Protein backbone atom coordinates (compact mmCIF):
# COMPACT_ATOMS: atom_id res chain seq x y z
CA MET A 1 141.10 94.30 125.27
CA SER A 2 143.88 96.80 124.54
CA GLU A 3 144.71 98.32 121.16
CA ASN A 4 146.86 101.06 119.71
CA ARG A 5 144.55 104.07 119.89
CA ARG A 6 145.68 105.61 116.63
CA GLU A 7 145.23 102.35 114.69
CA PHE A 8 141.76 101.96 116.21
CA LEU A 9 140.66 105.48 115.22
CA GLU A 10 142.05 105.01 111.73
CA ARG A 11 139.96 101.86 111.34
CA ILE A 12 136.87 103.75 112.54
CA GLY A 13 137.54 106.35 109.89
CA LEU A 14 138.35 103.84 107.14
CA GLY A 15 135.60 103.45 104.58
CA ALA A 16 133.60 106.50 105.70
CA MET A 17 133.69 107.88 102.18
CA LEU A 18 133.00 104.67 100.26
CA VAL A 19 130.77 105.25 97.26
CA ALA A 20 129.47 101.78 96.49
CA ALA A 21 125.69 101.51 96.76
CA PRO A 22 124.49 98.16 98.09
CA GLY A 23 120.78 97.58 98.24
CA TYR A 24 119.81 96.10 94.91
CA ALA A 25 117.64 93.50 96.66
CA ASP A 26 115.92 96.22 98.67
CA VAL A 27 115.05 98.12 95.48
CA LEU A 28 113.47 94.98 94.02
CA ARG A 29 111.42 94.49 97.18
CA ALA A 30 109.80 97.89 96.65
CA PHE A 31 108.12 96.55 93.52
CA GLU A 32 106.78 93.41 95.10
CA PRO A 33 102.94 93.42 95.17
CA ARG A 34 102.63 93.36 98.93
CA HIS A 35 104.75 96.53 99.19
CA ALA A 36 103.23 98.32 96.22
CA ALA A 37 99.59 97.43 96.93
CA HIS A 38 99.16 99.52 100.06
CA ALA A 39 101.02 102.30 101.81
CA GLU A 40 101.73 102.00 105.50
CA GLU A 41 101.67 104.90 107.88
CA PHE A 42 105.19 105.78 108.94
CA ASP A 43 106.29 107.92 111.86
CA LEU A 44 107.86 111.14 110.56
CA SER A 45 107.87 112.94 113.89
CA TRP A 46 111.70 112.55 113.97
CA THR A 47 111.94 115.37 111.45
CA ALA A 48 111.10 117.90 114.17
CA LYS A 49 114.25 116.87 116.00
CA VAL A 50 116.56 117.73 113.11
CA ASN A 51 117.01 121.30 114.27
CA GLY A 52 120.67 121.70 115.20
CA LYS A 53 122.97 124.16 113.48
CA TYR A 54 125.09 121.21 112.36
CA ARG A 55 123.22 118.30 110.72
CA ALA A 56 124.42 115.00 109.31
CA VAL A 57 122.95 111.72 108.10
CA PHE A 58 125.02 108.54 108.36
CA ASP A 59 124.05 105.93 105.77
CA ILE A 60 124.70 102.42 107.18
CA PRO A 61 124.01 99.62 104.68
CA GLU A 62 126.41 97.10 106.21
CA ILE A 63 126.99 95.66 109.70
CA ASP A 64 130.72 96.53 109.46
CA SER A 65 131.35 95.73 113.13
CA GLY A 66 128.97 98.54 114.09
CA TYR A 67 131.41 101.25 113.06
CA GLY A 68 128.75 103.20 111.15
CA VAL A 69 126.76 103.88 114.32
CA TRP A 70 129.95 104.68 116.22
CA ARG A 71 130.95 107.25 113.61
CA ALA A 72 127.73 109.18 114.22
CA SER A 73 128.49 109.52 117.93
CA ILE A 74 132.16 110.33 117.23
CA TRP A 75 131.07 113.10 114.86
CA VAL A 76 129.08 114.82 117.59
CA ARG A 77 131.97 114.47 120.02
CA ASP A 78 134.45 115.85 117.48
CA TYR A 79 132.27 118.90 116.77
CA MET A 80 131.88 119.54 120.49
CA ASN A 81 135.62 119.37 121.05
CA ALA A 82 136.84 121.13 117.93
CA LEU A 83 134.12 123.75 117.46
CA LYS A 84 133.15 124.15 121.14
CA VAL A 85 129.49 123.60 120.36
CA LYS A 86 126.84 122.10 122.62
CA PRO A 87 125.30 118.62 121.99
CA GLU A 88 122.00 120.24 121.01
CA ASP A 89 123.81 122.09 118.21
CA CYS A 90 124.37 118.75 116.42
CA SER A 91 121.58 116.73 114.82
CA ALA A 92 122.78 113.22 113.94
CA VAL A 93 120.66 110.78 111.92
CA VAL A 94 121.64 107.15 111.29
CA VAL A 95 119.93 105.10 108.59
CA LEU A 96 120.10 101.33 109.04
CA ARG A 97 119.34 99.71 105.72
CA HIS A 98 120.25 96.70 103.52
CA ASN A 99 122.44 94.34 105.63
CA GLY A 100 122.75 97.06 108.25
CA ILE A 101 119.12 96.41 109.31
CA ALA A 102 120.44 93.71 111.66
CA LEU A 103 121.97 96.47 113.82
CA ALA A 104 118.42 97.67 114.55
CA MET A 105 117.56 94.50 116.44
CA GLN A 106 117.90 93.78 120.15
CA GLN A 107 120.40 91.18 121.32
CA SER A 108 117.55 88.88 122.35
CA PHE A 109 116.38 88.85 118.71
CA TRP A 110 119.94 88.09 117.56
CA ASP A 111 120.10 85.19 119.99
CA THR A 112 116.67 83.75 119.17
CA TYR A 113 116.84 84.06 115.38
CA GLY A 114 120.53 83.47 114.80
CA ILE A 115 121.45 86.69 113.02
CA ALA A 116 125.15 85.96 113.46
CA LYS A 117 124.63 82.62 111.65
CA THR A 118 123.46 84.37 108.53
CA ASN A 119 125.88 87.29 108.71
CA LYS A 120 129.63 87.38 109.19
CA VAL A 121 129.84 89.60 112.25
CA MET A 122 133.22 90.72 113.61
CA HIS A 123 133.80 92.23 117.03
CA PRO A 124 134.83 95.88 116.60
CA ILE A 125 137.78 95.65 118.98
CA THR A 126 139.07 92.07 118.84
CA GLU A 127 138.18 91.67 115.13
CA GLN A 128 137.11 88.11 115.94
CA PRO A 129 133.76 86.53 114.97
CA THR A 130 131.00 87.34 117.44
CA ASP A 131 127.32 86.58 117.93
CA ARG A 132 126.73 89.91 119.66
CA ASN A 133 125.11 92.93 118.06
CA PRO A 134 128.21 95.16 117.80
CA VAL A 135 126.25 98.39 118.40
CA LEU A 136 124.88 97.17 121.71
CA LEU A 137 128.13 96.13 123.39
CA SER A 138 128.79 97.21 126.98
CA SER A 139 131.75 97.46 129.33
CA ALA A 140 129.46 96.08 132.06
CA ARG A 141 129.73 92.72 130.23
CA ASN A 142 133.46 93.27 129.54
CA GLU A 143 132.71 93.56 125.81
CA VAL A 144 134.28 96.96 125.16
CA PRO A 145 136.29 99.54 127.12
CA ALA A 146 134.17 101.87 129.29
CA GLU A 147 134.95 104.87 127.08
CA LEU A 148 133.06 103.20 124.23
CA ASP A 149 129.81 102.69 126.11
CA ASP A 150 128.42 106.04 124.90
CA VAL A 151 128.75 105.09 121.20
CA ALA A 152 126.31 102.19 121.53
CA LEU A 153 123.06 102.56 119.56
CA ASP A 154 120.85 102.72 122.65
CA LYS A 155 123.03 105.46 124.16
CA PHE A 156 123.10 107.31 120.83
CA ILE A 157 119.26 107.36 120.88
CA ALA A 158 119.13 108.30 124.57
CA HIS A 159 121.39 111.29 123.85
CA GLY A 160 119.04 112.58 121.18
CA GLY A 161 120.33 110.82 118.10
CA ILE A 162 117.82 109.75 115.47
CA ALA A 163 117.91 106.11 114.35
CA LEU A 164 115.92 105.20 111.24
CA ALA A 165 115.52 101.75 109.68
CA CYS A 166 114.53 100.55 106.20
CA ASN A 167 111.14 98.89 106.09
CA LEU A 168 112.11 97.01 102.92
CA ALA A 169 115.25 95.50 104.46
CA PHE A 170 113.19 94.71 107.57
CA ASP A 171 111.67 91.88 105.51
CA ASP A 172 114.88 89.95 106.16
CA MET A 173 114.16 90.03 109.88
CA ILE A 174 110.57 88.94 109.27
CA LYS A 175 111.81 85.99 107.22
CA LEU A 176 114.07 84.88 110.05
CA VAL A 177 111.04 84.75 112.34
CA THR A 178 108.90 82.90 109.78
CA LYS A 179 111.64 80.38 109.12
CA LYS A 180 112.05 79.54 112.81
CA ASP A 181 108.55 80.01 114.20
CA GLY A 182 106.30 79.41 111.23
CA GLY A 183 102.93 81.12 111.36
CA THR A 184 101.66 84.00 109.30
CA GLU A 185 103.69 86.86 107.96
CA ASP A 186 101.63 89.33 110.00
CA ALA A 187 102.47 87.43 113.18
CA ALA A 188 106.14 87.30 112.21
CA ARG A 189 106.17 91.04 111.56
CA LYS A 190 104.74 91.72 115.01
CA THR A 191 107.45 89.57 116.56
CA ALA A 192 110.14 91.34 114.56
CA LEU A 193 108.77 94.74 115.44
CA ALA A 194 108.96 93.81 119.11
CA GLY A 195 112.60 92.95 118.54
CA LEU A 196 113.62 96.40 117.37
CA VAL A 197 115.92 98.39 119.63
CA PRO A 198 113.65 100.84 121.43
CA GLY A 199 113.68 104.20 119.69
CA VAL A 200 114.51 102.89 116.22
CA ILE A 201 111.94 104.21 113.74
CA LEU A 202 110.94 102.31 110.61
CA GLN A 203 110.75 104.35 107.40
CA PRO A 204 109.33 103.39 103.96
CA SER A 205 112.87 102.65 102.80
CA GLY A 206 116.42 103.47 103.65
CA VAL A 207 116.65 105.55 100.50
CA PHE A 208 113.66 107.63 101.61
CA ALA A 209 115.17 108.11 105.07
CA ALA A 210 118.60 109.14 103.79
CA LEU A 211 117.20 111.56 101.21
CA HIS A 212 114.56 113.05 103.47
CA ALA A 213 117.22 113.76 106.09
CA GLN A 214 119.07 115.65 103.39
CA ASP A 215 115.86 117.54 102.59
CA LEU A 216 116.09 118.76 106.17
CA GLY A 217 119.61 120.04 105.73
CA CYS A 218 121.69 117.04 106.78
CA LYS A 219 125.00 116.47 105.08
CA TYR A 220 125.34 112.90 103.79
CA LEU A 221 128.03 110.44 104.81
CA ARG A 222 128.32 106.81 103.75
CA ALA A 223 129.31 105.35 107.10
CA SER A 224 129.70 101.61 106.46
């Protein structure tokens, strides 16, 4: 699983400043009666954690081999190395929306509901098709080099990173459950909620999450 380091880092950086804005389907969902009829209570306690001197929000609307999540961790590491700051000086927020919502789901959910069958997912190192959630890869399973373990989504959260997910795009995960298991939409939503990576926080929409993070002083970066 070797690769030229410079080429790998260039690929991580590639596309970080893309300006396209996917999410048309998510916008339409916001006007569906079941979303417009009642407002849910969403956890906004994450806002209290956005308190570092340096703040950034990483907008992740695509799976993109998981690079968007990796970029958030690499940003913190780069600031620590270049500016000699402490981890607590950096507040990193990732927003998983549109197709990127799949990254918010545990591997068991990917396996059970066939996320890789409905999305073209490429391994971030081998660049070959994979059925693994690329932001949950581990060297313990020989999936990535050990030095990349800390950029996994669960490690990002454990280190104080904030991971937000779009409630509108989350409908796609609910539909996967309904298609396979049948039953009511409420039951499917409960199953999908149980499949979220621990620590991921649903927000009204990815747009809300990305903009509210900027309200709190985060600089915006399109990361996938």
